[in-house]
Amino acid sequence: MSNDHRQQDGVAIVTGASGGIGEATALALARAGYRVFGTCRKPPPSKSAGVEYLVCDVTSDASVEAAFGEVLAKAGRIDLLVNNAGVGLMGGAEESSIEQAKSLFAVNVFGVMRTTNAVLPVMRRQGRGRIVNISSVMGLIPAPYMALYASSKHAVEGYSESLDHEIRDAGVRVVLVEPAYTRTSFESNLIQADQPLDNYKSARSNAEAVMRDVMKNADSPESVAQTVLKACFAANPRRRYAAGGFARQVSLLRRFVPAAAFDKSLRKQLRLPA
């Protein structure tokens, strides 16, 4: 690994590190020289070498305070936070109760804010730090039948960009990483809408079938982790990093393809009526 991808004395926290992108990222950072603390809601069934695990519920002030306090007690500093913990939800926007929407945002949005607020005073005292928020291409584009998940990622995008401007003078940067479909347990762990409607049954089934199809050629968690490393080590980081070929393609199309053409293409890919 090149010298610009080595961090001999840095301390990193990766949330949601028990599997998938979080686990791959924690391992990659450990190999790059970081002392890595990985958080998860419950003790993982197996532990990766080089990662120190902490039980942490990002929806709880007390849990985050205790876990992050333990990191400070053991390591004395926090140089990097990778906010990866998140949950998915499949279903039409109308098919979820407000309580279910709140539950999703509690993890995907307020969890990010809670952990970020926990490290900012530390990073400000240090005069440097980096926060990498794992977003999604669904934070850039419409996501029929994953509207609530997409809206949570859109919220993370707006929060991250705004916060980056606020804390840049303190030597702290906030960066977004946007994966597309990734080979993790995300698909099998998707929460289903709690108020399903027959009106959406056929189209929702099509959306689920599309997801199963694209997952066959999805990116590996390790490839996404390499993009996270780029976001961590860049001296002058970009605001966002698309992770994987499909994510880069979608990002470019969103920026340069006329809205009507993009809309038509999206509906075709998701097998929605023209």
Protein backbone atom coordinates (compact mmCIF):
# COMPACT_ATOMS: atom_id res chain seq x y z
CA MET A 1 0.00 0.00 0.00
CA SER A 2 1.30 3.44 -0.91
CA ASN A 3 2.42 5.87 1.77
CA ASP A 4 -0.61 8.12 1.24
CA HIS A 5 -2.76 5.18 2.28
CA ARG A 6 -0.96 4.65 5.60
CA GLN A 7 -2.03 6.17 8.88
CA GLN A 8 0.33 4.94 11.56
CA ASP A 9 -1.28 6.44 14.65
CA GLY A 10 -4.83 7.32 13.64
CA VAL A 11 -7.88 6.18 15.58
CA ALA A 12 -11.03 5.29 13.63
CA ILE A 13 -14.59 4.39 14.57
CA VAL A 14 -16.72 2.48 12.07
CA THR A 15 -20.39 2.04 12.91
CA GLY A 16 -22.29 -1.01 11.74
CA ALA A 17 -19.06 -3.00 11.54
CA SER A 18 -20.40 -6.51 12.11
CA GLY A 19 -20.75 -7.27 8.38
CA GLY A 20 -20.95 -5.97 4.83
CA ILE A 21 -19.47 -2.58 3.98
CA GLY A 22 -18.79 -1.75 7.64
CA GLU A 23 -16.78 -4.89 8.27
CA ALA A 24 -14.83 -4.54 5.01
CA THR A 25 -14.09 -0.89 5.79
CA ALA A 26 -12.94 -1.64 9.34
CA LEU A 27 -10.56 -4.31 8.04
CA ALA A 28 -9.22 -2.05 5.28
CA LEU A 29 -8.56 0.75 7.75
CA ALA A 30 -6.81 -1.62 10.15
CA ARG A 31 -4.54 -2.81 7.34
CA ALA A 32 -3.86 0.85 6.48
CA GLY A 33 -2.49 1.43 9.99
CA TYR A 34 -5.47 2.79 11.90
CA ARG A 35 -6.44 1.60 15.33
CA VAL A 36 -10.03 0.64 14.51
CA PHE A 37 -13.03 0.43 16.79
CA GLY A 38 -16.05 -1.19 15.17
CA THR A 39 -19.50 -0.72 16.65
CA CYS A 40 -22.50 -3.02 16.34
CA ARG A 41 -25.86 -3.38 18.03
CA LYS A 42 -24.92 -6.70 19.59
CA PRO A 43 -21.65 -8.66 19.87
CA PRO A 44 -20.75 -10.08 16.42
CA PRO A 45 -20.74 -13.87 15.97
CA SER A 46 -17.14 -13.66 14.73
CA LYS A 47 -14.57 -10.92 15.18
CA SER A 48 -12.17 -9.71 12.52
CA ALA A 49 -8.51 -9.47 13.49
CA GLY A 50 -7.30 -5.94 14.04
CA VAL A 51 -10.72 -4.54 14.96
CA GLU A 52 -11.79 -3.75 18.52
CA TYR A 53 -15.55 -4.22 18.85
CA LEU A 54 -17.93 -2.16 20.93
CA VAL A 55 -21.65 -2.66 21.39
CA CYS A 56 -23.39 0.57 20.44
CA ASP A 57 -26.96 1.49 19.50
CA VAL A 58 -26.77 4.64 17.38
CA THR A 59 -30.38 5.47 18.27
CA SER A 60 -29.46 5.91 21.95
CA ASP A 61 -27.69 8.96 23.40
CA ALA A 62 -26.47 6.95 26.39
CA SER A 63 -25.18 4.08 24.26
CA VAL A 64 -23.24 6.36 21.89
CA GLU A 65 -21.85 8.38 24.80
CA ALA A 66 -20.66 5.22 26.56
CA ALA A 67 -19.10 3.61 23.48
CA PHE A 68 -17.35 6.72 22.21
CA GLY A 69 -16.22 7.53 25.75
CA GLU A 70 -14.62 4.08 25.88
CA VAL A 71 -12.74 4.80 22.66
CA LEU A 72 -11.38 8.02 24.14
CA ALA A 73 -10.43 6.28 27.38
CA LYS A 74 -8.51 3.59 25.48
CA ALA A 75 -7.03 5.56 22.60
CA GLY A 76 -7.07 9.21 23.71
CA ARG A 77 -8.27 10.60 20.38
CA ILE A 78 -10.65 10.06 17.44
CA ASP A 79 -9.35 10.93 13.98
CA LEU A 80 -11.93 9.30 11.76
CA LEU A 81 -15.60 8.40 11.99
CA VAL A 82 -17.22 6.26 9.29
CA ASN A 83 -20.99 6.36 9.68
CA ASN A 84 -22.09 3.11 8.06
CA ALA A 85 -24.87 1.82 10.35
CA GLY A 86 -28.18 1.83 8.52
CA VAL A 87 -31.33 -0.09 7.68
CA GLY A 88 -33.33 -0.51 4.48
CA LEU A 89 -37.06 -0.48 3.82
CA MET A 90 -38.91 -1.86 0.81
CA GLY A 91 -42.40 -0.67 -0.02
CA GLY A 92 -44.40 2.19 -1.46
CA ALA A 93 -44.17 5.44 0.45
CA GLU A 94 -47.86 5.24 1.30
CA GLU A 95 -47.45 1.71 2.67
CA SER A 96 -45.42 2.68 5.74
CA SER A 97 -46.83 4.15 8.91
CA ILE A 98 -45.34 7.34 10.29
CA GLU A 99 -43.99 5.29 13.18
CA GLN A 100 -42.14 3.02 10.76
CA ALA A 101 -40.73 6.06 8.96
CA LYS A 102 -39.55 7.47 12.30
CA SER A 103 -37.86 4.18 13.12
CA LEU A 104 -35.96 4.24 9.82
CA PHE A 105 -34.87 7.85 10.25
CA ALA A 106 -33.83 7.13 13.84
CA VAL A 107 -31.02 4.94 12.51
CA ASN A 108 -30.19 6.34 9.07
CA VAL A 109 -30.40 10.06 9.85
CA PHE A 110 -30.50 10.78 13.56
CA GLY A 111 -27.98 8.02 14.23
CA VAL A 112 -25.53 9.79 11.92
CA MET A 113 -26.20 13.11 13.64
CA ARG A 114 -25.80 11.57 17.10
CA THR A 115 -22.44 9.94 16.43
CA THR A 116 -21.21 13.01 14.58
CA ASN A 117 -22.10 15.25 17.51
CA ALA A 118 -20.18 12.87 19.76
CA VAL A 119 -16.91 13.23 17.82
CA LEU A 120 -17.01 16.88 16.76
CA PRO A 121 -15.82 18.34 20.11
CA VAL A 122 -12.93 15.85 20.12
CA MET A 123 -11.91 16.61 16.54
CA ARG A 124 -12.21 20.34 17.14
CA ARG A 125 -9.82 20.10 20.11
CA GLN A 126 -7.41 18.08 17.99
CA GLY A 127 -7.60 20.60 15.16
CA ARG A 128 -8.24 17.84 12.63
CA GLY A 129 -10.54 14.95 11.81
CA ARG A 130 -12.64 13.41 9.10
CA ILE A 131 -16.19 12.10 9.00
CA VAL A 132 -17.19 9.79 6.15
CA ASN A 133 -20.91 9.20 5.80
CA ILE A 134 -22.02 6.17 3.81
CA SER A 135 -24.87 7.41 1.65
CA SER A 136 -26.18 5.72 -1.51
CA VAL A 137 -26.91 6.46 -5.13
CA MET A 138 -30.46 6.60 -3.78
CA GLY A 139 -29.39 9.79 -2.08
CA LEU A 140 -29.11 11.26 -5.58
CA ILE A 141 -31.95 9.72 -7.57
CA PRO A 142 -35.59 8.72 -7.09
CA ALA A 143 -36.10 5.22 -5.69
CA PRO A 144 -39.66 4.00 -6.29
CA TYR A 145 -40.67 1.45 -3.65
CA MET A 146 -37.75 2.49 -1.50
CA ALA A 147 -38.92 6.09 -1.07
CA LEU A 148 -38.39 6.30 2.68
CA TYR A 149 -34.90 4.81 2.47
CA ALA A 150 -34.04 7.20 -0.37
CA SER A 151 -35.39 10.17 1.57
CA SER A 152 -33.22 9.23 4.56
CA LYS A 153 -30.16 9.20 2.32
CA HIS A 154 -31.16 12.49 0.70
CA ALA A 155 -31.31 13.89 4.25
CA VAL A 156 -27.83 12.58 5.03
CA GLU A 157 -26.53 14.22 1.84
CA GLY A 158 -27.92 17.64 2.70
CA TYR A 159 -26.76 17.37 6.31
CA SER A 160 -23.25 16.29 5.33
CA GLU A 161 -22.68 19.01 2.73
CA SER A 162 -23.95 21.72 5.06
CA LEU A 163 -21.96 20.48 8.06
CA ASP A 164 -18.77 20.30 6.01
CA HIS A 165 -18.95 24.05 5.41
CA GLU A 166 -19.62 24.75 9.08
CA ILE A 167 -16.66 22.83 10.51
CA ARG A 168 -14.05 23.11 7.76
CA ASP A 169 -12.30 25.98 9.54
CA ALA A 170 -11.72 23.66 12.51
CA GLY A 171 -9.72 21.27 10.34
CA VAL A 172 -12.56 18.76 10.09
CA ARG A 173 -14.03 17.56 6.79
CA VAL A 174 -17.24 15.65 6.07
CA VAL A 175 -17.31 13.44 2.98
CA LEU A 176 -20.00 11.28 1.36
CA VAL A 177 -19.49 7.83 -0.16
CA GLU A 178 -22.29 6.64 -2.44
CA PRO A 179 -22.42 2.90 -3.17
CA ALA A 180 -24.95 1.34 -5.51
CA TYR A 181 -26.03 -2.27 -5.12
CA THR A 182 -23.54 -4.15 -2.96
CA ARG A 183 -23.27 -7.84 -2.14
CA THR A 184 -24.19 -7.75 1.54
CA SER A 185 -27.08 -8.98 3.66
CA PHE A 186 -28.83 -5.64 3.00
CA GLU A 187 -31.35 -7.15 0.57
CA SER A 188 -32.29 -10.08 2.81
CA ASN A 189 -32.56 -7.77 5.84
CA LEU A 190 -34.84 -5.20 4.20
CA ILE A 191 -37.73 -4.20 6.42
CA GLN A 192 -41.11 -4.62 4.73
CA ALA A 193 -43.73 -1.87 4.78
CA ASP A 194 -46.08 -2.30 7.74
CA GLN A 195 -49.25 -1.19 5.91
CA PRO A 196 -49.10 -2.93 2.49
CA LEU A 197 -51.77 -2.00 -0.05
CA ASP A 198 -53.05 -4.12 -2.93
CA ASN A 199 -52.78 -1.07 -5.20
CA TYR A 200 -48.99 -1.40 -5.16
CA LYS A 201 -48.63 -5.17 -5.03
CA SER A 202 -47.72 -5.76 -8.68
CA ALA A 203 -45.32 -2.83 -9.07
CA ARG A 204 -43.72 -3.58 -5.72
CA SER A 205 -43.13 -7.17 -6.80
CA ASN A 206 -41.48 -5.88 -9.99
CA ALA A 207 -39.20 -3.62 -7.93
CA GLU A 208 -38.23 -6.55 -5.71
CA ALA A 209 -37.48 -8.68 -8.78
CA VAL A 210 -35.30 -5.93 -10.25
CA MET A 211 -33.31 -5.77 -7.02
CA ARG A 212 -32.78 -9.54 -7.02
CA ASP A 213 -31.55 -9.36 -10.61
CA VAL A 214 -29.09 -6.50 -10.11
CA MET A 215 -27.70 -8.05 -6.94
CA LYS A 216 -26.28 -10.87 -9.08
CA ASN A 217 -23.72 -8.42 -10.47
CA ALA A 218 -23.45 -6.13 -7.46
CA ASP A 219 -20.19 -4.66 -6.18
CA SER A 220 -18.30 -6.38 -3.39
CA PRO A 221 -18.12 -4.74 0.06
CA GLU A 222 -14.34 -4.73 -0.33
CA SER A 223 -14.52 -2.59 -3.47
CA VAL A 224 -16.71 -0.07 -1.65
CA ALA A 225 -14.25 -0.11 1.26
CA GLN A 226 -11.47 0.94 -1.13
CA THR A 227 -13.54 3.97 -2.11
CA VAL A 228 -14.02 4.76 1.58
CA LEU A 229 -10.23 4.69 1.97
CA LYS A 230 -9.87 7.22 -0.84
CA ALA A 231 -12.35 9.49 0.96
CA CYS A 232 -10.44 9.03 4.22
CA PHE A 233 -6.95 9.73 2.89
CA ALA A 234 -7.52 12.45 0.30
CA ALA A 235 -5.71 15.61 1.39
CA ASN A 236 -8.37 17.75 -0.27
CA PRO A 237 -11.39 15.46 -0.42
CA ARG A 238 -14.18 15.75 -2.91
CA ARG A 239 -17.62 16.33 -1.49
CA ARG A 240 -18.84 12.89 -2.63
CA TYR A 241 -17.35 9.67 -3.97
CA ALA A 242 -19.38 7.26 -6.08
CA ALA A 243 -18.41 3.71 -5.15
CA GLY A 244 -18.36 1.25 -8.04
CA GLY A 245 -18.94 1.43 -11.78
CA PHE A 246 -22.73 1.49 -11.63
CA ALA A 247 -22.75 4.21 -8.98
CA ARG A 248 -20.40 6.37 -11.08
CA GLN A 249 -22.57 5.83 -14.14
CA VAL A 250 -25.75 6.81 -12.29
CA SER A 251 -24.06 9.88 -10.84
CA LEU A 252 -22.96 11.07 -14.28
CA LEU A 253 -26.36 10.38 -15.84
CA ARG A 254 -28.13 12.30 -13.10
CA ARG A 255 -25.90 15.32 -13.71
CA PHE A 256 -25.89 15.43 -17.50
CA VAL A 257 -28.93 13.59 -18.91
CA PRO A 258 -32.07 15.69 -19.41
CA ALA A 259 -34.65 15.12 -16.66
CA ALA A 260 -37.32 13.68 -18.97
CA ALA A 261 -34.89 11.15 -20.47
CA PHE A 262 -33.60 10.15 -17.04
CA ASP A 263 -37.16 9.72 -15.81
CA LYS A 264 -38.06 7.51 -18.77
CA SER A 265 -34.95 5.37 -18.35
CA LEU A 266 -35.56 4.93 -14.63
CA ARG A 267 -39.12 3.74 -15.16
CA LYS A 268 -38.00 1.30 -17.86
CA GLN A 269 -35.30 -0.22 -15.65
CA LEU A 270 -37.73 -0.61 -12.77
CA ARG A 271 -40.38 -2.13 -15.07
CA LEU A 272 -42.88 0.61 -14.31
CA PRO A 273 -45.57 1.62 -16.82
CA ALA A 274 -44.37 4.22 -19.31
